[in-house]
Amino acid sequence: GEPLRQIPDHDRVMSVVTLPGDRVAT
């Protein structure tokens, strides 16, 4: 449960999905 990283999306995030290569889409 340790916090690791954060991404400032700047938008109201409603969905998130991961992609290969340590990428996420929001």
PDB file of all heavy atoms in Angstrom:
ATOM      1  N   GLY A   1       0.796  -1.226   0.000  1.00  0.00           N
ATOM      2  CA  GLY A   1       0.000   0.000   0.000  1.00  0.00           C
ATOM      3  C   GLY A   1       0.827   1.274   0.000  1.00  0.00           C
ATOM      4  O   GLY A   1       0.281   2.380   0.073  1.00  0.00           O
ATOM      5  N   GLU A   2       2.153   1.131  -0.097  1.00  0.00           N
ATOM      6  CA  GLU A   2       3.039   2.290  -0.067  1.00  0.00           C
ATOM      7  C   GLU A   2       2.827   3.169  -1.304  1.00  0.00           C
ATOM      8  O   GLU A   2       2.853   2.680  -2.436  1.00  0.00           O
ATOM      9  CB  GLU A   2       4.488   1.821  -0.025  1.00  0.00           C
ATOM     10  CG  GLU A   2       5.507   2.944  -0.110  1.00  0.00           C
ATOM     11  CD  GLU A   2       6.912   2.428  -0.329  1.00  0.00           C
ATOM     12  OE1 GLU A   2       7.096   1.209  -0.434  1.00  0.00           O
ATOM     13  OE2 GLU A   2       7.829   3.269  -0.416  1.00  0.00           O
ATOM     14  N   PRO A   3       2.629   4.480  -1.122  1.00  0.00           N
ATOM     15  CA  PRO A   3       2.520   5.388  -2.272  1.00  0.00           C
ATOM     16  C   PRO A   3       3.832   5.406  -3.044  1.00  0.00           C
ATOM     17  O   PRO A   3       4.917   5.476  -2.455  1.00  0.00           O
ATOM     18  CB  PRO A   3       2.234   6.745  -1.633  1.00  0.00           C
ATOM     19  CG  PRO A   3       1.754   6.443  -0.247  1.00  0.00           C
ATOM     20  CD  PRO A   3       2.455   5.189   0.164  1.00  0.00           C
ATOM     21  N   LEU A   4       3.750   5.357  -4.364  1.00  0.00           N
ATOM     22  CA  LEU A   4       4.958   5.316  -5.183  1.00  0.00           C
ATOM     23  C   LEU A   4       5.110   6.552  -6.066  1.00  0.00           C
ATOM     24  O   LEU A   4       6.100   7.256  -6.009  1.00  0.00           O
ATOM     25  CB  LEU A   4       4.959   4.053  -6.053  1.00  0.00           C
ATOM     26  CG  LEU A   4       4.962   2.716  -5.297  1.00  0.00           C
ATOM     27  CD1 LEU A   4       4.853   1.559  -6.280  1.00  0.00           C
ATOM     28  CD2 LEU A   4       6.230   2.594  -4.468  1.00  0.00           C
ATOM     29  N   ARG A   5       4.102   6.807  -6.918  1.00  0.00           N
ATOM     30  CA  ARG A   5       4.234   7.898  -7.886  1.00  0.00           C
ATOM     31  C   ARG A   5       2.895   8.596  -8.067  1.00  0.00           C
ATOM     32  O   ARG A   5       1.857   8.052  -7.704  1.00  0.00           O
ATOM     33  CB  ARG A   5       4.732   7.341  -9.224  1.00  0.00           C
ATOM     34  CG  ARG A   5       6.120   6.737  -9.145  1.00  0.00           C
ATOM     35  CD  ARG A   5       6.531   6.086 -10.450  1.00  0.00           C
ATOM     36  NE  ARG A   5       5.966   4.775 -10.644  1.00  0.00           N
ATOM     37  CZ  ARG A   5       6.356   3.929 -11.588  1.00  0.00           C
ATOM     38  NH1 ARG A   5       7.299   4.288 -12.427  1.00  0.00           N
ATOM     39  NH2 ARG A   5       5.808   2.737 -11.720  1.00  0.00           N
ATOM     40  N   GLN A   6       2.936   9.783  -8.631  1.00  0.00           N
ATOM     41  CA  GLN A   6       1.697  10.477  -8.941  1.00  0.00           C
ATOM     42  C   GLN A   6       1.847  11.255 -10.233  1.00  0.00           C
ATOM     43  O   GLN A   6       2.923  11.752 -10.565  1.00  0.00           O
ATOM     44  CB  GLN A   6       1.249  11.395  -7.808  1.00  0.00           C
ATOM     45  CG  GLN A   6       2.190  12.527  -7.453  1.00  0.00           C
ATOM     46  CD  GLN A   6       1.692  13.314  -6.267  1.00  0.00           C
ATOM     47  OE1 GLN A   6       1.081  12.768  -5.352  1.00  0.00           O
ATOM     48  NE2 GLN A   6       1.936  14.609  -6.281  1.00  0.00           N
ATOM     49  N   ILE A   7       0.743  11.324 -10.967  1.00  0.00           N
ATOM     50  CA  ILE A   7       0.706  12.024 -12.250  1.00  0.00           C
ATOM     51  C   ILE A   7      -0.330  13.134 -12.147  1.00  0.00           C
ATOM     52  O   ILE A   7      -1.515  12.858 -11.921  1.00  0.00           O
ATOM     53  CB  ILE A   7       0.325  11.068 -13.389  1.00  0.00           C
ATOM     54  CG1 ILE A   7       1.362   9.937 -13.501  1.00  0.00           C
ATOM     55  CG2 ILE A   7       0.201  11.816 -14.705  1.00  0.00           C
ATOM     56  CD1 ILE A   7       0.933   8.835 -14.448  1.00  0.00           C
ATOM     57  N   PRO A   8       0.066  14.377 -12.295  1.00  0.00           N
ATOM     58  CA  PRO A   8      -0.902  15.492 -12.239  1.00  0.00           C
ATOM     59  C   PRO A   8      -1.658  15.599 -13.555  1.00  0.00           C
ATOM     60  O   PRO A   8      -1.204  16.226 -14.506  1.00  0.00           O
ATOM     61  CB  PRO A   8      -0.005  16.712 -11.999  1.00  0.00           C
ATOM     62  CG  PRO A   8       1.293  16.338 -12.644  1.00  0.00           C
ATOM     63  CD  PRO A   8       1.442  14.844 -12.489  1.00  0.00           C
ATOM     64  N   ASP A   9      -2.828  14.984 -13.611  1.00  0.00           N
ATOM     65  CA  ASP A   9      -3.562  14.912 -14.871  1.00  0.00           C
ATOM     66  C   ASP A   9      -4.136  16.268 -15.289  1.00  0.00           C
ATOM     67  O   ASP A   9      -4.383  16.503 -16.460  1.00  0.00           O
ATOM     68  CB  ASP A   9      -4.696  13.881 -14.750  1.00  0.00           C
ATOM     69  CG  ASP A   9      -5.400  13.634 -16.064  1.00  0.00           C
ATOM     70  OD1 ASP A   9      -4.945  12.802 -16.863  1.00  0.00           O
ATOM     71  OD2 ASP A   9      -6.410  14.316 -16.308  1.00  0.00           O
ATOM     72  N   HIS A  10      -4.387  17.142 -14.336  1.00  0.00           N
ATOM     73  CA  HIS A  10      -4.943  18.478 -14.576  1.00  0.00           C
ATOM     74  C   HIS A  10      -6.421  18.440 -14.975  1.00  0.00           C
ATOM     75  O   HIS A  10      -7.028  19.481 -15.169  1.00  0.00           O
ATOM     76  CB  HIS A  10      -4.158  19.238 -15.660  1.00  0.00           C
ATOM     77  CG  HIS A  10      -2.692  19.305 -15.391  1.00  0.00           C
ATOM     78  ND1 HIS A  10      -2.174  19.912 -14.279  1.00  0.00           N
ATOM     79  CD2 HIS A  10      -1.637  18.821 -16.088  1.00  0.00           C
ATOM     80  CE1 HIS A  10      -0.858  19.828 -14.297  1.00  0.00           C
ATOM     81  NE2 HIS A  10      -0.503  19.161 -15.372  1.00  0.00           N
ATOM     82  N   ASP A  11      -6.995  17.267 -15.111  1.00  0.00           N
ATOM     83  CA  ASP A  11      -8.392  17.126 -15.494  1.00  0.00           C
ATOM     84  C   ASP A  11      -9.109  16.267 -14.456  1.00  0.00           C
ATOM     85  O   ASP A  11      -8.496  15.666 -13.577  1.00  0.00           O
ATOM     86  CB  ASP A  11      -8.524  16.459 -16.871  1.00  0.00           C
ATOM     87  CG  ASP A  11      -8.005  17.346 -17.990  1.00  0.00           C
ATOM     88  OD1 ASP A  11      -8.033  18.579 -17.823  1.00  0.00           O
ATOM     89  OD2 ASP A  11      -7.570  16.810 -19.017  1.00  0.00           O
ATOM     90  N   ARG A  12     -10.425  16.212 -14.578  1.00  0.00           N
ATOM     91  CA  ARG A  12     -11.224  15.357 -13.703  1.00  0.00           C
ATOM     92  C   ARG A  12     -11.171  13.929 -14.259  1.00  0.00           C
ATOM     93  O   ARG A  12     -11.812  13.612 -15.248  1.00  0.00           O
ATOM     94  CB  ARG A  12     -12.665  15.868 -13.652  1.00  0.00           C
ATOM     95  CG  ARG A  12     -13.573  15.073 -12.727  1.00  0.00           C
ATOM     96  CD  ARG A  12     -14.888  15.822 -12.566  1.00  0.00           C
ATOM     97  NE  ARG A  12     -15.835  15.070 -11.755  1.00  0.00           N
ATOM     98  CZ  ARG A  12     -16.922  14.501 -12.240  1.00  0.00           C
ATOM     99  NH1 ARG A  12     -17.198  14.580 -13.521  1.00  0.00           N
ATOM    100  NH2 ARG A  12     -17.751  13.849 -11.451  1.00  0.00           N
ATOM    101  N   VAL A  13     -10.372  13.075 -13.636  1.00  0.00           N
ATOM    102  CA  VAL A  13     -10.154  11.731 -14.152  1.00  0.00           C
ATOM    103  C   VAL A  13     -11.330  10.836 -13.794  1.00  0.00           C
ATOM    104  O   VAL A  13     -11.714  10.722 -12.631  1.00  0.00           O
ATOM    105  CB  VAL A  13      -8.851  11.128 -13.589  1.00  0.00           C
ATOM    106  CG1 VAL A  13      -8.616   9.743 -14.169  1.00  0.00           C
ATOM    107  CG2 VAL A  13      -7.676  12.034 -13.892  1.00  0.00           C
ATOM    108  N   MET A  14     -11.913  10.180 -14.798  1.00  0.00           N
ATOM    109  CA  MET A  14     -13.039   9.288 -14.574  1.00  0.00           C
ATOM    110  C   MET A  14     -12.696   7.840 -14.910  1.00  0.00           C
ATOM    111  O   MET A  14     -13.354   6.928 -14.438  1.00  0.00           O
ATOM    112  CB  MET A  14     -14.252   9.750 -15.394  1.00  0.00           C
ATOM    113  CG  MET A  14     -14.662  11.174 -15.090  1.00  0.00           C
ATOM    114  SD  MET A  14     -16.148  11.686 -15.957  1.00  0.00           S
ATOM    115  CE  MET A  14     -17.394  10.795 -15.050  1.00  0.00           C
ATOM    116  N   SER A  15     -11.668   7.621 -15.736  1.00  0.00           N
ATOM    117  CA  SER A  15     -11.240   6.266 -16.078  1.00  0.00           C
ATOM    118  C   SER A  15      -9.733   6.261 -16.266  1.00  0.00           C
ATOM    119  O   SER A  15      -9.141   7.249 -16.714  1.00  0.00           O
ATOM    120  CB  SER A  15     -11.903   5.777 -17.373  1.00  0.00           C
ATOM    121  OG  SER A  15     -13.289   5.617 -17.207  1.00  0.00           O
ATOM    122  N   VAL A  16      -9.114   5.144 -15.910  1.00  0.00           N
ATOM    123  CA  VAL A  16      -7.682   4.978 -16.111  1.00  0.00           C
ATOM    124  C   VAL A  16      -7.431   3.556 -16.578  1.00  0.00           C
ATOM    125  O   VAL A  16      -8.095   2.612 -16.136  1.00  0.00           O
ATOM    126  CB  VAL A  16      -6.883   5.291 -14.822  1.00  0.00           C
ATOM    127  CG1 VAL A  16      -7.313   4.387 -13.672  1.00  0.00           C
ATOM    128  CG2 VAL A  16      -5.392   5.166 -15.064  1.00  0.00           C
ATOM    129  N   VAL A  17      -6.490   3.387 -17.515  1.00  0.00           N
ATOM    130  CA  VAL A  17      -6.145   2.070 -18.021  1.00  0.00           C
ATOM    131  C   VAL A  17      -4.645   2.052 -18.284  1.00  0.00           C
ATOM    132  O   VAL A  17      -4.043   3.077 -18.613  1.00  0.00           O
ATOM    133  CB  VAL A  17      -6.938   1.740 -19.310  1.00  0.00           C
ATOM    134  CG1 VAL A  17      -6.564   2.674 -20.442  1.00  0.00           C
ATOM    135  CG2 VAL A  17      -6.753   0.297 -19.718  1.00  0.00           C
ATOM    136  N   THR A  18      -4.009   0.892 -18.113  1.00  0.00           N
ATOM    137  CA  THR A  18      -2.576   0.784 -18.338  1.00  0.00           C
ATOM    138  C   THR A  18      -2.285   0.267 -19.740  1.00  0.00           C
ATOM    139  O   THR A  18      -3.062  -0.478 -20.320  1.00  0.00           O
ATOM    140  CB  THR A  18      -1.928  -0.150 -17.301  1.00  0.00           C
ATOM    141  OG1 THR A  18      -2.555  -1.431 -17.346  1.00  0.00           O
ATOM    142  CG2 THR A  18      -2.076   0.421 -15.905  1.00  0.00           C
ATOM    143  N   LEU A  19      -1.125   0.668 -20.250  1.00  0.00           N
ATOM    144  CA  LEU A  19      -0.631   0.227 -21.546  1.00  0.00           C
ATOM    145  C   LEU A  19       0.779  -0.315 -21.361  1.00  0.00           C
ATOM    146  O   LEU A  19       1.463   0.045 -20.385  1.00  0.00           O
ATOM    147  CB  LEU A  19      -0.610   1.369 -22.566  1.00  0.00           C
ATOM    148  CG  LEU A  19      -1.943   1.966 -23.015  1.00  0.00           C
ATOM    149  CD1 LEU A  19      -2.386   3.066 -22.062  1.00  0.00           C
ATOM    150  CD2 LEU A  19      -1.831   2.531 -24.418  1.00  0.00           C
ATOM    151  N   PRO A  20       1.247  -1.144 -22.273  1.00  0.00           N
ATOM    152  CA  PRO A  20       2.629  -1.643 -22.167  1.00  0.00           C
ATOM    153  C   PRO A  20       3.626  -0.490 -22.146  1.00  0.00           C
ATOM    154  O   PRO A  20       3.369   0.593 -22.674  1.00  0.00           O
ATOM    155  CB  PRO A  20       2.787  -2.485 -23.443  1.00  0.00           C
ATOM    156  CG  PRO A  20       1.402  -2.868 -23.837  1.00  0.00           C
ATOM    157  CD  PRO A  20       0.530  -1.721 -23.431  1.00  0.00           C
ATOM    158  N   GLY A  21       4.773  -0.754 -21.520  1.00  0.00           N
ATOM    159  CA  GLY A  21       5.806   0.274 -21.465  1.00  0.00           C
ATOM    160  C   GLY A  21       5.612   1.274 -20.356  1.00  0.00           C
ATOM    161  O   GLY A  21       6.032   2.429 -20.479  1.00  0.00           O
ATOM    162  N   ASP A  22       4.997   0.855 -19.247  1.00  0.00           N
ATOM    163  CA  ASP A  22       4.770   1.739 -18.102  1.00  0.00           C
ATOM    164  C   ASP A  22       4.066   3.030 -18.512  1.00  0.00           C
ATOM    165  O   ASP A  22       4.472   4.143 -18.157  1.00  0.00           O
ATOM    166  CB  ASP A  22       6.088   2.072 -17.392  1.00  0.00           C
ATOM    167  CG  ASP A  22       6.478   1.010 -16.384  1.00  0.00           C
ATOM    168  OD1 ASP A  22       5.598   0.238 -15.974  1.00  0.00           O
ATOM    169  OD2 ASP A  22       7.665   0.950 -16.009  1.00  0.00           O
ATOM    170  N   ARG A  23       2.959   2.859 -19.265  1.00  0.00           N
ATOM    171  CA  ARG A  23       2.136   3.987 -19.653  1.00  0.00           C
ATOM    172  C   ARG A  23       0.728   3.814 -19.090  1.00  0.00           C
ATOM    173  O   ARG A  23       0.272   2.698 -18.887  1.00  0.00           O
ATOM    174  CB  ARG A  23       2.052   4.106 -21.177  1.00  0.00           C
ATOM    175  CG  ARG A  23       3.370   4.413 -21.876  1.00  0.00           C
ATOM    176  CD  ARG A  23       3.202   4.355 -23.383  1.00  0.00           C
ATOM    177  NE  ARG A  23       2.834   3.008 -23.818  1.00  0.00           N
ATOM    178  CZ  ARG A  23       2.272   2.740 -25.008  1.00  0.00           C
ATOM    179  NH1 ARG A  23       2.001   3.717 -25.857  1.00  0.00           N
ATOM    180  NH2 ARG A  23       1.975   1.496 -25.340  1.00  0.00           N
ATOM    181  N   VAL A  24       0.067   4.924 -18.834  1.00  0.00           N
ATOM    182  CA  VAL A  24      -1.344   4.902 -18.453  1.00  0.00           C
ATOM    183  C   VAL A  24      -2.093   5.893 -19.335  1.00  0.00           C
ATOM    184  O   VAL A  24      -1.525   6.894 -19.793  1.00  0.00           O
ATOM    185  CB  VAL A  24      -1.580   5.244 -16.965  1.00  0.00           C
ATOM    186  CG1 VAL A  24      -0.929   4.223 -16.066  1.00  0.00           C
ATOM    187  CG2 VAL A  24      -1.102   6.643 -16.638  1.00  0.00           C
ATOM    188  N   ALA A  25      -3.354   5.587 -19.578  1.00  0.00           N
ATOM    189  CA  ALA A  25      -4.233   6.504 -20.296  1.00  0.00           C
ATOM    190  C   ALA A  25      -5.355   6.913 -19.364  1.00  0.00           C
ATOM    191  O   ALA A  25      -5.842   6.104 -18.556  1.00  0.00           O
ATOM    192  CB  ALA A  25      -4.795   5.849 -21.558  1.00  0.00           C
ATOM    193  N   THR A  26      -5.777   8.159 -19.446  1.00  0.00           N
ATOM    194  CA  THR A  26      -6.849   8.675 -18.598  1.00  0.00           C
ATOM    195  C   THR A  26      -7.922   9.335 -19.452  1.00  0.00           C
ATOM    196  O   THR A  26      -7.644   9.882 -20.523  1.00  0.00           O
ATOM    197  CB  THR A  26      -6.307   9.710 -17.586  1.00  0.00           C
ATOM    198  OG1 THR A  26      -5.663  10.782 -18.301  1.00  0.00           O
ATOM    199  CG2 THR A  26      -5.314   9.068 -16.630  1.00  0.00           C
TER     200      THR A  26
END
